[in-house]
Amino acid sequence: MSFKKSYEKESQGKLYLVPTPIGNLDDMTFRAVNVLKDVDYILCEDTRESLKLLKHFDIYKKLVACHEYNEDSIKNNVINDLKSGKNIGLITDQGSPIISDPGYILTREVIKNNISVISLPGATAFVPALSSSGVEPSPFLFYGFLNSKQSKMKEELKGLKSLKYTLIFYESVHRIEKTLELMHEVFGNRKISISRELSKVHEEIYYGDLESAKDEYKDKKGEFVIVVEGNKEEVNYNDLDIVEHVKMYLDDNSEMDAIKIVSKERGVSKSEIYKYYHDNK
């Protein structure tokens, strides 16, 4: 199913996705403040956290919780309010809604109902982290948070290992040390940058490589953005037989995962790789 993004019923309200500061309150935009003052009510990730922010900017609006555990259950009420003409703001605790934060499920349903979604530009952690990283800025892949289970995290990293793109991850204080260890194990010793507590009083940017970062971040506190250099190994896949290419990845991956990686690297469908591999191995 496909449809155009056109909003003919002006009597309907609009859903505003409003970024909030990731640390420094001076990063709140004039437009964001004005929109939040004008909407009928505000959806937020944590009412207690949002109340502090809104009071700072003299914004006094009804707050409705919208987080990963209730987003699906409140969507119909929100859509009904939008259809009745109410304008609604959506914020998360810090940063831009949906970017490693709640909001996707609700926004998707609002779009399906042909209701206007207005996304304001503003604060998000990965952009300043990339800009200040000293790592090649493009192309890049923003991945966000890796899986919390170490075995699945390792599989995700293996799937990213061959990509030439600069890779950007978010990480929490409780997992930063183990994540860096696994990255070093899977990626090898690549150039990285780690931004900690961006825009806050104790902002810090680390420049180095994965090997040295493992020890550097044993006792660090805060929220982290990890920018990792892409795969710089030069491999001419045209000179490599498909069977040998698949076998390159079998030590660390299942057969199907190895075939997926080869498919991506060669730009050939998985079914073609699978058939050739099984016909010729």
Protein backbone atom coordinates (compact mmCIF):
# COMPACT_ATOMS: atom_id res chain seq x y z
CA MET A 1 0.00 0.00 0.00
CA SER A 2 1.30 3.48 -0.83
CA PHE A 3 -0.11 6.97 -0.59
CA LYS A 4 0.93 10.59 -0.98
CA LYS A 5 1.70 12.77 1.99
CA SER A 6 -1.14 15.22 1.46
CA TYR A 7 -3.35 16.72 4.13
CA GLU A 8 -6.60 18.08 2.78
CA LYS A 9 -8.65 18.24 5.95
CA GLU A 10 -7.34 21.38 7.63
CA SER A 11 -9.93 20.88 10.36
CA GLN A 12 -7.73 18.05 11.63
CA GLY A 13 -5.01 18.74 14.13
CA LYS A 14 -1.30 18.11 13.64
CA LEU A 15 1.22 15.97 15.50
CA TYR A 16 4.42 17.91 16.22
CA LEU A 17 7.64 15.99 16.87
CA VAL A 18 9.66 18.36 19.03
CA PRO A 19 13.35 17.80 19.91
CA THR A 20 14.48 18.74 23.42
CA PRO A 21 18.03 19.54 24.64
CA ILE A 22 20.37 16.61 25.26
CA GLY A 23 22.00 18.51 28.12
CA ASN A 24 22.34 22.26 27.74
CA LEU A 25 18.92 23.93 27.97
CA ASP A 26 20.16 26.80 25.76
CA ASP A 27 19.91 24.35 22.84
CA MET A 28 16.09 24.52 22.95
CA THR A 29 14.92 26.39 19.84
CA PHE A 30 12.51 29.34 19.84
CA ARG A 31 10.26 27.40 17.51
CA ALA A 32 10.18 24.38 19.82
CA VAL A 33 9.13 26.56 22.76
CA ASN A 34 6.42 28.30 20.74
CA VAL A 35 5.01 25.02 19.37
CA LEU A 36 4.83 23.46 22.84
CA LYS A 37 3.06 26.58 24.16
CA ASP A 38 0.51 26.40 21.34
CA VAL A 39 -0.43 22.70 21.25
CA ASP A 40 -3.42 21.36 23.17
CA TYR A 41 -1.38 18.84 25.12
CA ILE A 42 2.03 17.18 25.13
CA LEU A 43 2.95 13.51 24.88
CA CYS A 44 6.16 12.76 26.76
CA GLU A 45 8.39 9.84 27.68
CA ASP A 46 8.58 10.62 31.42
CA THR A 47 6.18 13.19 32.88
CA ARG A 48 8.52 13.98 35.80
CA GLU A 49 11.49 14.75 33.55
CA SER A 50 9.41 16.72 31.05
CA LEU A 51 7.80 18.79 33.79
CA LYS A 52 11.23 20.15 34.80
CA LEU A 53 12.01 21.15 31.22
CA LEU A 54 8.63 22.76 30.55
CA LYS A 55 8.67 24.75 33.79
CA HIS A 56 12.05 26.20 32.80
CA PHE A 57 10.46 27.63 29.66
CA ASP A 58 7.17 28.65 31.34
CA ILE A 59 5.20 26.05 29.42
CA TYR A 60 2.14 24.82 31.28
CA LYS A 61 0.32 22.12 29.34
CA LYS A 62 -1.31 18.81 30.14
CA LEU A 63 1.25 15.98 29.92
CA VAL A 64 0.35 12.46 28.75
CA ALA A 65 2.83 9.61 29.09
CA CYS A 66 3.93 8.06 25.79
CA HIS A 67 6.70 5.50 26.14
CA GLU A 68 7.72 2.08 24.79
CA TYR A 69 5.32 0.25 27.12
CA ASN A 70 2.11 2.18 26.34
CA GLU A 71 2.69 3.70 22.90
CA ASP A 72 0.61 1.08 21.12
CA SER A 73 -2.28 1.30 23.58
CA ILE A 74 -2.72 5.09 23.46
CA LYS A 75 -2.42 5.56 19.69
CA ASN A 76 -6.17 5.34 18.98
CA ASN A 77 -7.00 8.01 21.57
CA VAL A 78 -4.35 10.29 20.13
CA ILE A 79 -5.59 9.77 16.57
CA ASN A 80 -9.17 10.55 17.65
CA ASP A 81 -7.98 13.78 19.30
CA LEU A 82 -6.08 14.77 16.15
CA LYS A 83 -9.12 14.06 14.00
CA SER A 84 -11.21 16.26 16.28
CA GLY A 85 -8.88 19.19 15.60
CA LYS A 86 -6.47 19.08 18.52
CA ASN A 87 -2.81 19.83 17.95
CA ILE A 88 -0.47 17.58 19.92
CA GLY A 89 3.23 17.81 20.72
CA LEU A 90 5.46 14.78 21.20
CA ILE A 91 8.73 15.02 23.13
CA THR A 92 11.12 12.53 24.70
CA ASP A 93 13.40 12.96 27.71
CA GLN A 94 16.32 14.23 25.62
CA GLY A 95 16.92 14.59 21.90
CA SER A 96 14.69 14.00 18.89
CA PRO A 97 11.62 11.75 19.14
CA ILE A 98 11.96 8.35 17.40
CA ILE A 99 15.79 8.57 17.12
CA SER A 100 16.56 5.77 19.62
CA ASP A 101 13.54 7.01 21.56
CA PRO A 102 9.77 6.32 21.56
CA GLY A 103 7.41 7.78 18.97
CA TYR A 104 7.67 5.54 15.91
CA ILE A 105 4.60 3.36 16.52
CA LEU A 106 2.37 6.36 17.17
CA THR A 107 3.75 8.44 14.29
CA ARG A 108 3.35 5.53 11.85
CA GLU A 109 -0.34 5.22 12.77
CA VAL A 110 -0.91 8.96 12.49
CA ILE A 111 0.57 8.92 8.96
CA LYS A 112 -1.60 5.92 8.02
CA ASN A 113 -4.63 8.01 9.00
CA ASN A 114 -3.49 10.80 6.64
CA ILE A 115 -2.97 13.23 9.50
CA SER A 116 -0.19 15.82 9.32
CA VAL A 117 3.08 15.09 11.11
CA ILE A 118 5.44 18.06 11.54
CA SER A 119 8.98 17.19 12.64
CA LEU A 120 11.00 20.11 14.01
CA PRO A 121 14.79 20.18 13.56
CA GLY A 122 16.80 20.25 16.73
CA ALA A 123 19.00 18.48 19.22
CA THR A 124 20.24 14.95 18.63
CA ALA A 125 23.45 13.45 20.01
CA PHE A 126 24.89 11.62 17.01
CA VAL A 127 25.29 14.66 14.72
CA PRO A 128 27.68 16.68 16.95
CA ALA A 129 29.46 13.44 17.88
CA LEU A 130 30.12 12.70 14.21
CA SER A 131 31.09 16.29 13.38
CA SER A 132 33.70 16.40 16.15
CA SER A 133 34.94 12.81 15.79
CA GLY A 134 37.77 13.27 13.31
CA VAL A 135 36.47 10.11 11.61
CA GLU A 136 35.49 10.26 7.93
CA PRO A 137 31.98 11.78 8.03
CA SER A 138 30.34 10.18 5.01
CA PRO A 139 28.94 7.85 4.19
CA PHE A 140 27.88 6.93 7.69
CA LEU A 141 25.43 4.51 9.29
CA PHE A 142 23.65 5.51 12.48
CA TYR A 143 22.92 2.26 14.32
CA GLY A 144 21.82 3.51 17.75
CA PHE A 145 21.83 0.99 20.61
CA LEU A 146 23.12 -2.54 20.06
CA ASN A 147 21.20 -5.48 21.54
CA SER A 148 21.49 -5.73 25.32
CA LYS A 149 22.33 -9.45 25.18
CA GLN A 150 26.04 -9.94 24.53
CA SER A 151 25.58 -12.91 22.20
CA LYS A 152 23.15 -10.94 20.00
CA MET A 153 25.31 -7.83 20.23
CA LYS A 154 28.23 -9.83 18.88
CA GLU A 155 26.11 -11.11 15.98
CA GLU A 156 25.04 -7.55 15.15
CA LEU A 157 28.66 -6.40 15.14
CA LYS A 158 29.66 -9.27 12.86
CA GLY A 159 26.98 -8.20 10.40
CA LEU A 160 28.44 -4.67 10.39
CA LYS A 161 32.09 -5.67 10.22
CA SER A 162 32.50 -5.57 6.43
CA LEU A 163 30.72 -2.23 5.89
CA LYS A 164 32.85 0.63 4.58
CA TYR A 165 30.61 3.21 6.29
CA THR A 166 31.52 5.08 9.46
CA LEU A 167 29.39 3.48 12.21
CA ILE A 168 27.66 5.42 14.99
CA PHE A 169 26.37 3.82 18.18
CA TYR A 170 24.72 4.97 21.40
CA GLU A 171 25.75 3.31 24.64
CA SER A 172 24.96 3.50 28.36
CA VAL A 173 27.30 3.63 31.33
CA HIS A 174 26.48 0.05 32.35
CA ARG A 175 27.59 -1.49 29.03
CA ILE A 176 30.28 0.78 27.60
CA GLU A 177 33.25 -1.34 28.71
CA LYS A 178 31.87 -4.65 27.40
CA THR A 179 30.69 -3.04 24.15
CA LEU A 180 34.17 -1.66 23.43
CA GLU A 181 35.71 -5.07 24.18
CA LEU A 182 33.35 -6.80 21.74
CA MET A 183 33.91 -4.14 19.09
CA HIS A 184 37.66 -4.67 19.35
CA GLU A 185 37.20 -8.43 19.19
CA VAL A 186 34.99 -8.30 16.08
CA PHE A 187 36.25 -5.21 14.20
CA GLY A 188 39.91 -5.31 15.13
CA ASN A 189 41.78 -2.15 16.09
CA ARG A 190 39.94 0.65 14.29
CA LYS A 191 40.08 4.41 14.74
CA ILE A 192 37.23 5.69 16.96
CA SER A 193 35.88 8.69 18.78
CA ILE A 194 33.77 8.55 21.94
CA SER A 195 31.67 11.54 23.00
CA ARG A 196 30.55 11.58 26.63
CA GLU A 197 27.90 13.85 28.17
CA LEU A 198 27.58 16.02 25.06
CA SER A 199 26.60 19.67 25.72
CA LYS A 200 26.77 19.10 29.50
CA VAL A 201 29.23 20.54 32.03
CA HIS A 202 31.48 17.46 31.93
CA GLU A 203 31.43 16.99 28.14
CA GLU A 204 34.41 14.97 26.96
CA ILE A 205 35.56 13.65 23.58
CA TYR A 206 38.02 10.78 23.31
CA TYR A 207 40.12 10.30 20.17
CA GLY A 208 41.99 7.04 19.70
CA ASP A 209 41.42 3.43 18.74
CA LEU A 210 39.43 0.48 20.03
CA GLU A 211 42.41 -1.20 21.67
CA SER A 212 43.27 1.76 23.90
CA ALA A 213 39.63 2.75 24.51
CA LYS A 214 38.88 -0.56 26.25
CA ASP A 215 41.01 0.45 29.24
CA GLU A 216 40.22 4.17 29.04
CA TYR A 217 36.51 3.62 29.68
CA LYS A 218 36.54 1.16 32.60
CA ASP A 219 35.24 3.66 35.16
CA LYS A 220 33.70 6.44 33.09
CA LYS A 221 30.16 7.63 33.85
CA GLY A 222 27.57 9.21 31.59
CA GLU A 223 25.94 8.69 28.20
CA PHE A 224 28.11 7.85 25.22
CA VAL A 225 28.18 8.17 21.43
CA ILE A 226 30.73 5.86 19.79
CA VAL A 227 31.90 6.73 16.26
CA VAL A 228 33.83 3.87 14.62
CA GLU A 229 35.83 3.98 11.41
CA GLY A 230 34.45 1.80 8.60
CA ASN A 231 36.19 -1.27 7.20
CA LYS A 232 39.30 -0.08 5.35
CA GLU A 233 40.43 -3.48 4.10
CA GLU A 234 40.67 -3.49 0.32
CA VAL A 235 39.27 -6.71 -1.14
CA ASN A 236 38.62 -7.28 -4.84
CA TYR A 237 35.66 -9.63 -4.70
CA ASN A 238 35.74 -10.14 -8.47
CA ASP A 239 39.02 -12.04 -8.05
CA LEU A 240 37.53 -14.20 -5.29
CA ASP A 241 35.44 -17.29 -6.03
CA ILE A 242 32.01 -17.14 -4.38
CA VAL A 243 32.64 -20.41 -2.51
CA GLU A 244 35.88 -19.06 -1.06
CA HIS A 245 34.17 -15.77 -0.29
CA VAL A 246 31.48 -17.54 1.76
CA LYS A 247 34.08 -19.70 3.53
CA MET A 248 35.88 -16.51 4.66
CA TYR A 249 33.01 -15.85 7.07
CA LEU A 250 32.12 -19.36 8.24
CA ASP A 251 34.42 -19.34 11.27
CA ASP A 252 32.42 -16.56 12.92
CA ASN A 253 29.01 -16.94 11.28
CA SER A 254 26.39 -19.52 10.36
CA GLU A 255 26.22 -20.53 6.71
CA MET A 256 23.15 -18.38 6.06
CA ASP A 257 24.69 -15.35 7.79
CA ALA A 258 27.87 -15.81 5.73
CA ILE A 259 25.76 -15.96 2.55
CA LYS A 260 23.95 -12.76 3.58
CA ILE A 261 27.27 -10.94 4.07
CA VAL A 262 28.58 -12.12 0.69
CA SER A 263 25.31 -11.14 -0.97
CA LYS A 264 25.65 -7.61 0.44
CA GLU A 265 29.32 -7.26 -0.49
CA ARG A 266 28.84 -8.47 -4.07
CA GLY A 267 25.48 -6.84 -4.71
CA VAL A 268 24.04 -10.22 -5.71
CA SER A 269 20.83 -11.78 -4.38
CA LYS A 270 21.07 -14.23 -1.48
CA SER A 271 19.32 -16.92 -3.52
CA GLU A 272 21.96 -16.70 -6.27
CA ILE A 273 24.81 -16.90 -3.74
CA TYR A 274 23.12 -19.80 -1.96
CA LYS A 275 22.59 -21.76 -5.20
CA TYR A 276 26.13 -21.20 -6.49
CA TYR A 277 27.66 -22.08 -3.13
CA HIS A 278 25.74 -25.36 -2.78
CA ASP A 279 26.31 -26.32 -6.40
CA ASN A 280 30.06 -25.78 -6.23
CA LYS A 281 31.30 -26.28 -2.68
